[in-house]
C-alpha atoms as a PDB file:
ATOM      1  CA  MET A   1      81.785 104.194  91.163  1.00  0.00           C
ATOM      2  CA  LYS A   2      81.288 107.708  92.264  1.00  0.00           C
ATOM      3  CA  ILE A   3      83.933 109.318  94.049  1.00  0.00           C
ATOM      4  CA  THR A   4      83.786 112.756  96.054  1.00  0.00           C
ATOM      5  CA  HIS A   5      86.603 114.792  97.991  1.00  0.00           C
ATOM      6  CA  TYR A   6      86.826 117.185 100.658  1.00  0.00           C
ATOM      7  CA  LEU A   7      89.765 118.932 100.738  1.00  0.00           C
ATOM      8  CA  TYR A   8      92.992 117.580 101.796  1.00  0.00           C
ATOM      9  CA  ASN A   9      93.037 113.952 101.099  1.00  0.00           C
ATOM     10  CA  ALA A  10      89.667 113.266 102.063  1.00  0.00           C
ATOM     11  CA  PHE A  11      87.274 111.263 100.188  1.00  0.00           C
ATOM     12  CA  LEU A  12      84.669 108.649  99.350  1.00  0.00           C
ATOM     13  CA  LEU A  13      84.130 105.965  97.158  1.00  0.00           C
ATOM     14  CA  GLU A  14      80.713 104.606  96.673  1.00  0.00           C
ATOM     15  CA  ALA A  15      80.087 101.550  94.644  1.00  0.00           C
ATOM     16  CA  ASP A  16      77.551  99.224  94.672  1.00  0.00           C
ATOM     17  CA  GLY A  17      76.274  99.559  98.778  1.00  0.00           C
ATOM     18  CA  THR A  18      79.947  99.553  99.390  1.00  0.00           C
ATOM     19  CA  LYS A  19      81.343 103.135 101.049  1.00  0.00           C
ATOM     20  CA  VAL A  20      85.054 103.643 101.479  1.00  0.00           C
ATOM     21  CA  ALA A  21      86.156 106.582 103.404  1.00  0.00           C
ATOM     22  CA  ILE A  22      89.804 108.049 103.057  1.00  0.00           C
ATOM     23  CA  ASP A  23      91.180 110.243 106.154  1.00  0.00           C
ATOM     24  CA  PRO A  24      88.509 111.563 107.683  1.00  0.00           C
ATOM     25  CA  GLY A  25      90.621 114.513 109.156  1.00  0.00           C
ATOM     26  CA  GLN A  26      89.832 117.421 110.535  1.00  0.00           C
ATOM     27  CA  ASN A  27      89.422 121.309 108.959  1.00  0.00           C
ATOM     28  CA  LEU A  28      92.525 122.683 110.240  1.00  0.00           C
ATOM     29  CA  TRP A  29      90.851 126.986 109.152  1.00  0.00           C
ATOM     30  CA  ILE A  30      90.542 128.366 112.898  1.00  0.00           C
ATOM     31  CA  PHE A  31      87.106 129.714 111.151  1.00  0.00           C
ATOM     32  CA  LYS A  32      85.384 126.498 109.885  1.00  0.00           C
ATOM     33  CA  LEU A  33      87.120 123.627 112.711  1.00  0.00           C
ATOM     34  CA  GLU A  34      84.896 120.661 111.626  1.00  0.00           C
ATOM     35  CA  SER A  35      85.168 117.572 110.127  1.00  0.00           C
ATOM     36  CA  LEU A  36      86.097 117.186 106.123  1.00  0.00           C
ATOM     37  CA  ILE A  37      83.927 114.577 105.661  1.00  0.00           C
ATOM     38  CA  PRO A  38      80.128 115.728 106.830  1.00  0.00           C
ATOM     39  CA  GLU A  39      79.028 113.467 109.924  1.00  0.00           C
ATOM     40  CA  SER A  40      76.119 112.497 108.340  1.00  0.00           C
ATOM     41  CA  GLU A  41      78.123 110.539 105.772  1.00  0.00           C
ATOM     42  CA  TRP A  42      79.590 108.501 108.753  1.00  0.00           C
ATOM     43  CA  PRO A  43      77.192 105.774 109.388  1.00  0.00           C
ATOM     44  CA  SER A  44      77.062 104.803 106.226  1.00  0.00           C
ATOM     45  CA  VAL A  45      80.777 104.541 105.706  1.00  0.00           C
ATOM     46  CA  THR A  46      81.759 100.182 105.184  1.00  0.00           C
ATOM     47  CA  HIS A  47      85.759 100.863 105.205  1.00  0.00           C
ATOM     48  CA  LEU A  48      87.918 103.454 106.558  1.00  0.00           C
ATOM     49  CA  VAL A  49      91.454 103.693 105.209  1.00  0.00           C
ATOM     50  CA  ILE A  50      93.869 106.036 107.028  1.00  0.00           C
ATOM     51  CA  THR A  51      97.043 106.690 105.313  1.00  0.00           C
ATOM     52  CA  HIS A  52      99.119 108.560 108.524  1.00  0.00           C
ATOM     53  CA  GLY A  53      98.288 110.224 111.349  1.00  0.00           C
ATOM     54  CA  ASP A  54      98.559 113.968 111.144  1.00  0.00           C
ATOM     55  CA  PRO A  55      95.652 115.542 112.171  1.00  0.00           C
ATOM     56  CA  ASP A  56      94.273 116.808 108.363  1.00  0.00           C
ATOM     57  CA  HIS A  57      94.137 112.888 107.658  1.00  0.00           C
ATOM     58  CA  HIS A  58      92.676 111.148 111.076  1.00  0.00           C
ATOM     59  CA  TRP A  59      91.261 113.494 113.623  1.00  0.00           C
ATOM     60  CA  GLN A  60      87.824 112.384 113.409  1.00  0.00           C
ATOM     61  CA  SER A  61      88.670 108.375 112.299  1.00  0.00           C
ATOM     62  CA  ASP A  62      87.815 107.085 115.057  1.00  0.00           C
ATOM     63  CA  ARG A  63      84.177 108.878 115.560  1.00  0.00           C
ATOM     64  CA  VAL A  64      83.901 107.897 112.254  1.00  0.00           C
ATOM     65  CA  ALA A  65      84.875 104.288 113.094  1.00  0.00           C
ATOM     66  CA  LYS A  66      82.937 104.402 116.268  1.00  0.00           C
ATOM     67  CA  ALA A  67      79.372 105.595 114.386  1.00  0.00           C
ATOM     68  CA  SER A  68      80.007 103.081 111.550  1.00  0.00           C
ATOM     69  CA  GLY A  69      81.738  99.803 112.781  1.00  0.00           C
ATOM     70  CA  ALA A  70      83.602  99.757 109.074  1.00  0.00           C
ATOM     71  CA  HIS A  71      86.591  97.930 108.744  1.00  0.00           C
ATOM     72  CA  VAL A  72      89.554  99.853 109.627  1.00  0.00           C
ATOM     73  CA  ILE A  73      92.711  99.814 107.584  1.00  0.00           C
ATOM     74  CA  CYS A  74      95.951 101.579 108.147  1.00  0.00           C
ATOM     75  CA  GLY A  75      99.417 101.365 107.931  1.00  0.00           C
ATOM     76  CA  ARG A  76     101.119  98.882 111.061  1.00  0.00           C
ATOM     77  CA  GLY A  77     103.517 102.318 111.618  1.00  0.00           C
ATOM     78  CA  LEU A  78     100.553 104.193 112.716  1.00  0.00           C
ATOM     79  CA  THR A  79      99.662 101.605 115.352  1.00  0.00           C
ATOM     80  CA  ARG A  80     101.470  99.764 118.448  1.00  0.00           C
ATOM     81  CA  VAL A  81     101.168  97.060 120.658  1.00  0.00           C
ATOM     82  CA  VAL A  82     100.503  97.724 124.060  1.00  0.00           C
ATOM     83  CA  ASP A  83      99.609  95.338 127.056  1.00  0.00           C
ATOM     84  CA  GLY A  84      99.540  92.207 124.122  1.00  0.00           C
ATOM     85  CA  SER A  85      96.894  95.012 122.289  1.00  0.00           C
ATOM     86  CA  ARG A  86      97.038  96.487 118.737  1.00  0.00           C
ATOM     87  CA  LEU A  87      96.493 100.340 119.357  1.00  0.00           C
ATOM     88  CA  VAL A  88      96.172 103.056 116.837  1.00  0.00           C
ATOM     89  CA  VAL A  89      97.710 106.465 117.797  1.00  0.00           C
ATOM     90  CA  ASP A  90      95.281 108.656 119.559  1.00  0.00           C
ATOM     91  CA  PRO A  91      93.619 110.762 117.201  1.00  0.00           C
ATOM     92  CA  ARG A  92      93.589 113.660 118.631  1.00  0.00           C
ATOM     93  CA  GLY A  93      96.290 112.910 120.676  1.00  0.00           C
ATOM     94  CA  ARG A  94      99.015 115.242 121.736  1.00  0.00           C
ATOM     95  CA  ALA A  95     102.440 113.722 120.005  1.00  0.00           C
ATOM     96  CA  LEU A  96     103.153 109.886 120.679  1.00  0.00           C
ATOM     97  CA  THR A  97     102.077 109.571 124.420  1.00  0.00           C
ATOM     98  CA  SER A  98      98.105 108.239 123.742  1.00  0.00           C
ATOM     99  CA  TRP A  99      97.440 105.530 122.059  1.00  0.00           C
ATOM    100  CA  VAL A 100      93.504 103.759 121.650  1.00  0.00           C
ATOM    101  CA  PRO A 101      91.825 100.583 120.024  1.00  0.00           C
ATOM    102  CA  PHE A 102      89.785 100.284 117.144  1.00  0.00           C
ATOM    103  CA  ASP A 103      86.623  97.870 116.738  1.00  0.00           C
ATOM    104  CA  ASN A 104      87.705  95.561 113.355  1.00  0.00           C
ATOM    105  CA  LEU A 105      91.436  97.068 112.380  1.00  0.00           C
ATOM    106  CA  GLN A 106      93.702  95.694 109.971  1.00  0.00           C
ATOM    107  CA  THR A 107      96.900  96.841 110.061  1.00  0.00           C
ATOM    108  CA  LEU A 108      99.499  96.585 106.205  1.00  0.00           C
ATOM    109  CA  GLU A 109     102.809  96.653 105.619  1.00  0.00           C
ATOM    110  CA  VAL A 110     103.813  97.555 102.115  1.00  0.00           C
ATOM    111  CA  GLY A 111     103.257  94.644  99.407  1.00  0.00           C
ATOM    112  CA  ASP A 112     100.494  93.519 101.748  1.00  0.00           C
ATOM    113  CA  SER A 113      97.225  92.899 100.869  1.00  0.00           C
ATOM    114  CA  ILE A 114      93.303  91.803 102.482  1.00  0.00           C
ATOM    115  CA  LYS A 115      89.470  91.630 100.730  1.00  0.00           C
ATOM    116  CA  LEU A 116      86.871  92.695 102.695  1.00  0.00           C
ATOM    117  CA  ASP A 117      83.636  91.926 102.165  1.00  0.00           C
ATOM    118  CA  ASP A 118      83.757  93.207  98.182  1.00  0.00           C
ATOM    119  CA  VAL A 119      86.647  95.344  98.839  1.00  0.00           C
ATOM    120  CA  SER A 120      90.616  94.517  98.159  1.00  0.00           C
ATOM    121  CA  ILE A 121      93.040  96.913  99.565  1.00  0.00           C
ATOM    122  CA  GLU A 122      97.169  96.620  98.740  1.00  0.00           C
ATOM    123  CA  ALA A 123      99.360  98.605 100.825  1.00  0.00           C
ATOM    124  CA  VAL A 124     102.153 100.373  98.385  1.00  0.00           C
ATOM    125  CA  LYS A 125     104.787 102.504  99.974  1.00  0.00           C
ATOM    126  CA  ALA A 126     104.696 106.083 100.818  1.00  0.00           C
ATOM    127  CA  GLU A 127     107.097 108.716 102.563  1.00  0.00           C
ATOM    128  CA  HIS A 128     105.678 111.749 104.406  1.00  0.00           C
ATOM    129  CA  GLY A 129     108.544 114.784 103.798  1.00  0.00           C
ATOM    130  CA  PRO A 130     109.593 117.365 106.618  1.00  0.00           C
ATOM    131  CA  ILE A 131     107.034 119.976 107.006  1.00  0.00           C
ATOM    132  CA  ALA A 132     107.971 123.746 107.559  1.00  0.00           C
ATOM    133  CA  ILE A 133     104.778 125.957 108.641  1.00  0.00           C
ATOM    134  CA  PRO A 134     105.336 129.329 108.885  1.00  0.00           C
ATOM    135  CA  ILE A 135     103.784 130.703 112.455  1.00  0.00           C
ATOM    136  CA  LEU A 136     103.512 134.356 113.568  1.00  0.00           C
ATOM    137  CA  GLY A 137     106.649 135.362 111.659  1.00  0.00           C
ATOM    138  CA  PHE A 138     108.163 131.703 113.039  1.00  0.00           C
ATOM    139  CA  THR A 139     108.502 128.608 110.737  1.00  0.00           C
ATOM    140  CA  PHE A 140     108.037 125.704 112.563  1.00  0.00           C
ATOM    141  CA  LYS A 141     109.839 122.549 111.253  1.00  0.00           C
ATOM    142  CA  ALA A 142     109.431 119.098 111.876  1.00  0.00           C
ATOM    143  CA  GLN A 143     111.357 116.049 110.569  1.00  0.00           C
ATOM    144  CA  PRO A 144     109.178 112.317 110.101  1.00  0.00           C
ATOM    145  CA  GLY A 145     110.687 110.028 112.239  1.00  0.00           C
ATOM    146  CA  PRO A 146     110.342 107.398 115.270  1.00  0.00           C
ATOM    147  CA  ASN A 147     109.598 109.789 117.562  1.00  0.00           C
ATOM    148  CA  GLU A 148     108.087 112.419 115.480  1.00  0.00           C
ATOM    149  CA  ARG A 149     104.338 112.389 115.091  1.00  0.00           C
ATOM    150  CA  VAL A 150     104.194 114.226 111.647  1.00  0.00           C
ATOM    151  CA  GLY A 151     103.672 111.967 109.049  1.00  0.00           C
ATOM    152  CA  ILE A 152     103.410 108.637 111.871  1.00  0.00           C
ATOM    153  CA  GLY A 153     102.552 105.409 109.250  1.00  0.00           C
ATOM    154  CA  ALA A 154     102.688 106.940 105.971  1.00  0.00           C
ATOM    155  CA  MET A 155     100.634 104.741 104.113  1.00  0.00           C
ATOM    156  CA  GLY A 156      99.425 104.502 100.113  1.00  0.00           C
ATOM    157  CA  PHE A 157      96.295 102.407  99.455  1.00  0.00           C
ATOM    158  CA  ARG A 158      95.379 101.189  96.085  1.00  0.00           C
ATOM    159  CA  ILE A 159      91.378 100.012  96.689  1.00  0.00           C
ATOM    160  CA  THR A 160      89.557  97.936  93.949  1.00  0.00           C
ATOM    161  CA  ILE A 161      85.793  97.610  94.126  1.00  0.00           C
ATOM    162  CA  GLY A 162      84.503  95.674  91.539  1.00  0.00           C
ATOM    163  CA  ASP A 163      86.677  96.164  88.530  1.00  0.00           C
ATOM    164  CA  THR A 164      87.885  99.462  89.424  1.00  0.00           C
ATOM    165  CA  SER A 165      90.937 100.207  91.496  1.00  0.00           C
ATOM    166  CA  VAL A 166      91.803 103.525  92.957  1.00  0.00           C
ATOM    167  CA  LEU A 167      94.959 104.382  94.188  1.00  0.00           C
ATOM    168  CA  ASN A 168      95.397 107.121  96.873  1.00  0.00           C
ATOM    169  CA  LEU A 169      98.849 108.018  97.839  1.00  0.00           C
ATOM    170  CA  GLY A 170      98.063 110.340 101.031  1.00  0.00           C
ATOM    171  CA  ASP A 171     101.359 112.730 101.933  1.00  0.00           C
ATOM    172  CA  THR A 172     104.347 111.670  99.930  1.00  0.00           C
ATOM    173  CA  VAL A 173     107.303 112.730  98.120  1.00  0.00           C
ATOM    174  CA  LEU A 174     107.956 111.016  94.586  1.00  0.00           C
ATOM    175  CA  LEU A 175     109.073 107.353  94.627  1.00  0.00           C
ATOM    176  CA  PRO A 176     110.565 105.453  91.991  1.00  0.00           C
ATOM    177  CA  GLU A 177     109.055 102.520  93.471  1.00  0.00           C
ATOM    178  CA  TRP A 178     105.890 103.403  91.949  1.00  0.00           C
ATOM    179  CA  ALA A 179     107.026 102.240  88.447  1.00  0.00           C
ATOM    180  CA  ASP A 180     105.382  98.987  89.414  1.00  0.00           C
ATOM    181  CA  LEU A 181     101.824  99.720  90.002  1.00  0.00           C
ATOM    182  CA  SER A 182      98.991 100.294  88.462  1.00  0.00           C
ATOM    183  CA  ALA A 183      95.077 102.093  88.962  1.00  0.00           C
ATOM    184  CA  ASP A 184      92.436 103.375  86.994  1.00  0.00           C
ATOM    185  CA  VAL A 185      91.999 106.096  89.132  1.00  0.00           C
ATOM    186  CA  LEU A 186      95.618 107.832  90.795  1.00  0.00           C
ATOM    187  CA  MET A 187      94.723 110.528  93.726  1.00  0.00           C
ATOM    188  CA  LEU A 188      98.171 112.259  94.925  1.00  0.00           C
ATOM    189  CA  PRO A 189      99.114 115.189  96.101  1.00  0.00           C
ATOM    190  CA  ILE A 190     100.677 118.471  94.412  1.00  0.00           C
ATOM    191  CA  GLY A 191     101.242 121.236  96.868  1.00  0.00           C
ATOM    192  CA  GLY A 192     104.415 120.205  98.175  1.00  0.00           C
ATOM    193  CA  LEU A 193     107.175 122.932  99.313  1.00  0.00           C
ATOM    194  CA  GLY A 194     109.671 122.382  97.251  1.00  0.00           C
ATOM    195  CA  LYS A 195     113.073 120.151  98.366  1.00  0.00           C
ATOM    196  CA  ASN A 196     110.888 117.281  99.051  1.00  0.00           C
ATOM    197  CA  THR A 197     109.198 119.518 101.765  1.00  0.00           C
ATOM    198  CA  TRP A 198     106.363 117.787 102.701  1.00  0.00           C
ATOM    199  CA  THR A 199     104.906 116.328  99.482  1.00  0.00           C
ATOM    200  CA  MET A 200     104.957 116.072  95.719  1.00  0.00           C
ATOM    201  CA  ASP A 201     104.526 119.648  93.807  1.00  0.00           C
ATOM    202  CA  VAL A 202     103.160 119.938  90.454  1.00  0.00           C
ATOM    203  CA  ASP A 203     106.231 118.233  88.641  1.00  0.00           C
ATOM    204  CA  GLU A 204     106.923 115.971  91.310  1.00  0.00           C
ATOM    205  CA  ALA A 205     103.283 114.761  90.760  1.00  0.00           C
ATOM    206  CA  LEU A 206     103.509 114.991  86.688  1.00  0.00           C
ATOM    207  CA  GLU A 207     106.516 112.487  87.448  1.00  0.00           C
ATOM    208  CA  ALA A 208     104.324 110.311  89.339  1.00  0.00           C
ATOM    209  CA  VAL A 209     101.638 109.978  86.519  1.00  0.00           C
ATOM    210  CA  LYS A 210     104.287 109.073  84.177  1.00  0.00           C
ATOM    211  CA  LEU A 211     105.359 106.376  86.049  1.00  0.00           C
ATOM    212  CA  ILE A 212     101.889 104.931  86.902  1.00  0.00           C
ATOM    213  CA  ALA A 213     100.078 105.516  83.784  1.00  0.00           C
ATOM    214  CA  PRO A 214      96.296 105.979  85.544  1.00  0.00           C
ATOM    215  CA  ARG A 215      93.301 106.458  83.136  1.00  0.00           C
ATOM    216  CA  TYR A 216      92.409 109.105  85.892  1.00  0.00           C
ATOM    217  CA  VAL A 217      94.324 111.057  87.853  1.00  0.00           C
ATOM    218  CA  ILE A 218      92.627 113.160  91.184  1.00  0.00           C
ATOM    219  CA  PRO A 219      95.138 116.110  92.612  1.00  0.00           C
ATOM    220  CA  CYS A 220      94.958 117.027  96.098  1.00  0.00           C
ATOM    221  CA  HIS A 221      95.730 118.084  99.489  1.00  0.00           C
ATOM    222  CA  TYR A 222      96.762 121.784  97.756  1.00  0.00           C
ATOM    223  CA  ASN A 223      95.140 124.741  98.058  1.00  0.00           C
ATOM    224  CA  VAL A 224      93.777 124.141 101.450  1.00  0.00           C
ATOM    225  CA  PRO A 225      93.032 126.174 104.950  1.00  0.00           C
ATOM    226  CA  LEU A 226      95.464 126.238 107.373  1.00  0.00           C
ATOM    227  CA  PHE A 227      95.235 127.988 110.927  1.00  0.00           C
ATOM    228  CA  TRP A 228      94.596 131.641 109.700  1.00  0.00           C
ATOM    229  CA  LYS A 229      95.409 130.857 106.010  1.00  0.00           C
ATOM    230  CA  ARG A 230      92.719 130.897 103.444  1.00  0.00           C
ATOM    231  CA  LYS A 231      95.279 129.037 100.981  1.00  0.00           C
ATOM    232  CA  PHE A 232      98.179 127.103 102.278  1.00  0.00           C
ATOM    233  CA  ALA A 233     100.264 124.258 100.193  1.00  0.00           C
ATOM    234  CA  VAL A 234      99.332 126.607  97.010  1.00  0.00           C
ATOM    235  CA  ALA A 235      99.461 124.766  93.088  1.00  0.00           C
ATOM    236  CA  ASP A 236      98.842 125.329  90.041  1.00  0.00           C
ATOM    237  CA  ASP A 237      95.820 122.840  89.733  1.00  0.00           C
ATOM    238  CA  ARG A 238      94.971 124.187  85.923  1.00  0.00           C
ATOM    239  CA  ARG A 239      99.025 123.786  84.932  1.00  0.00           C
ATOM    240  CA  PHE A 240      98.962 120.211  86.663  1.00  0.00           C
ATOM    241  CA  LYS A 241      95.777 118.961  84.507  1.00  0.00           C
ATOM    242  CA  ARG A 242      97.042 120.258  81.612  1.00  0.00           C
ATOM    243  CA  GLU A 243     100.308 118.724  81.703  1.00  0.00           C
ATOM    244  CA  ALA A 244      99.047 115.523  82.668  1.00  0.00           C
ATOM    245  CA  GLU A 245      96.306 115.033  79.885  1.00  0.00           C
ATOM    246  CA  LEU A 246      99.410 115.698  77.416  1.00  0.00           C
ATOM    247  CA  LEU A 247     100.200 112.375  79.098  1.00  0.00           C
ATOM    248  CA  GLY A 248      97.252 111.049  78.412  1.00  0.00           C
ATOM    249  CA  THR A 249      95.671 110.703  81.640  1.00  0.00           C
ATOM    250  CA  GLU A 250      91.780 112.091  81.833  1.00  0.00           C
ATOM    251  CA  CYS A 251      92.518 114.478  84.864  1.00  0.00           C
ATOM    252  CA  THR A 252      89.106 115.739  87.176  1.00  0.00           C
ATOM    253  CA  ILE A 253      89.480 118.821  89.877  1.00  0.00           C
ATOM    254  CA  LEU A 254      87.283 118.174  93.137  1.00  0.00           C
ATOM    255  CA  HIS A 255      86.132 121.038  94.647  1.00  0.00           C
ATOM    256  CA  TYR A 256      85.242 120.996  98.229  1.00  0.00           C
ATOM    257  CA  GLY A 257      82.360 117.985  98.002  1.00  0.00           C
ATOM    258  CA  GLU A 258      82.287 117.934  93.635  1.00  0.00           C
ATOM    259  CA  SER A 259      82.454 113.991  92.969  1.00  0.00           C
ATOM    260  CA  LEU A 260      83.206 112.195  89.684  1.00  0.00           C
ATOM    261  CA  THR A 261      81.540 109.307  88.293  1.00  0.00           C
ATOM    262  CA  ILE A 262      83.286 106.972  86.406  1.00  0.00           C
END
């Protein structure tokens, strides 16, 4: 399996003619407002996994789905039923006012699993933390909830292709329920801002590594661009790598467009 990272939580998994795109969102740096996963990759995607509805994860989802005709998998909380049809929150819509159809849509609740062609996908619990973003001297705060766009539909997914399982936790705080999980490859955020804000920080992510005990771990969603800031959600990935490997897990740091083959 080849795993390629495109910042934030955007990944491509490729194996045996299968290409799984995870969270094809938007680069939010004002000097590079473009798709995280390059458009040249879109037509060959076979499966599209969306962990939640924030712009850095969901902005290009409908476009990737249209270009590829891929299976689309997300948590049921990212959707609602309107006039008898299940719709997904609009990737570029404002707040929760717009909902759009996706072809080949499969929605899962925690514990549900589905096999689509040669890919098995299981939904696991994730919980997006509140956000706090400094803007022009002010701090914009939002608490995920039923009437808030932030973190809508948050879900993690274990994706199995052949004999290799990949667990992507999306944006989430640390949860004790993960002690029952296992995976060959773990992708998890390390750029939390403390006090369960946004996601896990380095220390909390290391606790998740202890709980899940993967063979490989890839840190993500840290040191990312946001608006005019070149680096937001700053984290020490070298310390994370060093301490994760002391736990017996091989850690690979992937920058934009870099790949790992296992």
